[in-house]
């Protein structure tokens, strides 16, 4: 499997788990903060996976 596909899938899975954590727990609790941090990580991994396949001329 291509590296960018792994990054996109992993980022999506982390983002879904993070959003569930943020939705299920009270704002400011430890698990809510973990969910928020994981959401940022998931978005970063998704972005890295997408931008790794773009050609330099597009940027």
Protein backbone atom coordinates (compact mmCIF):
# COMPACT_ATOMS: atom_id res chain seq x y z
CA UNK A 1 0.00 0.00 0.00
CA UNK A 2 1.24 3.48 -0.82
CA UNK A 3 2.64 5.62 1.99
CA UNK A 4 0.22 8.49 1.38
CA UNK A 5 -2.76 6.12 1.61
CA UNK A 6 -1.51 4.84 4.97
CA UNK A 7 -1.16 8.41 6.22
CA UNK A 8 -4.64 9.39 5.07
CA UNK A 9 -6.27 6.29 6.59
CA UNK A 10 -4.34 6.60 9.86
CA UNK A 11 -5.12 10.30 10.12
CA UNK A 12 -8.80 9.63 9.48
CA UNK A 13 -9.00 6.90 12.10
CA UNK A 14 -7.22 9.05 14.69
CA UNK A 15 -9.50 11.97 13.87
CA UNK A 16 -12.68 9.89 14.28
CA UNK A 17 -11.52 8.53 17.66
CA UNK A 18 -10.52 12.02 18.75
CA UNK A 19 -13.86 13.53 17.82
CA UNK A 20 -15.70 10.78 19.72
CA UNK A 21 -13.57 11.46 22.80
CA UNK A 22 -14.20 15.18 22.55
CA UNK A 23 -17.94 14.64 22.09
CA UNK A 24 -18.43 12.09 24.88
CA UNK A 25 -16.56 13.78 27.70
CA UNK A 26 -17.07 17.04 29.51
CA UNK A 27 -15.14 20.03 28.22
CA UNK A 28 -11.93 20.51 30.18
CA UNK A 29 -11.70 16.92 31.44
CA UNK A 30 -8.53 14.93 30.84
CA UNK A 31 -10.08 12.71 28.16
CA UNK A 32 -11.55 15.74 26.38
CA UNK A 33 -8.07 17.31 26.28
CA UNK A 34 -6.61 14.03 24.96
CA UNK A 35 -9.33 13.97 22.28
CA UNK A 36 -8.57 17.54 21.28
CA UNK A 37 -4.84 16.82 21.03
CA UNK A 38 -5.52 13.70 18.97
CA UNK A 39 -7.78 15.71 16.66
CA UNK A 40 -4.92 18.12 15.95
CA UNK A 41 -2.60 15.17 15.34
CA UNK A 42 -5.13 13.50 13.02
CA UNK A 43 -5.57 16.66 10.98
CA UNK A 44 -1.80 17.00 10.72
CA UNK A 45 -1.37 13.43 9.49
CA UNK A 46 -4.20 13.83 6.97
CA UNK A 47 -2.61 17.03 5.69
CA UNK A 48 0.80 15.38 5.41
CA UNK A 49 -0.69 12.48 3.46
CA UNK A 50 -2.49 14.76 1.04
CA UNK A 51 0.37 17.19 0.48
CA UNK A 52 2.91 14.39 0.01
CA UNK A 53 1.21 13.52 -3.30
CA UNK A 54 0.89 17.04 -4.68
CA UNK A 55 3.41 18.07 -7.30
CA UNK A 56 5.70 20.98 -6.57
CA UNK A 57 4.22 22.96 -9.48
CA UNK A 58 0.80 22.91 -7.82
CA UNK A 59 2.12 24.49 -4.64
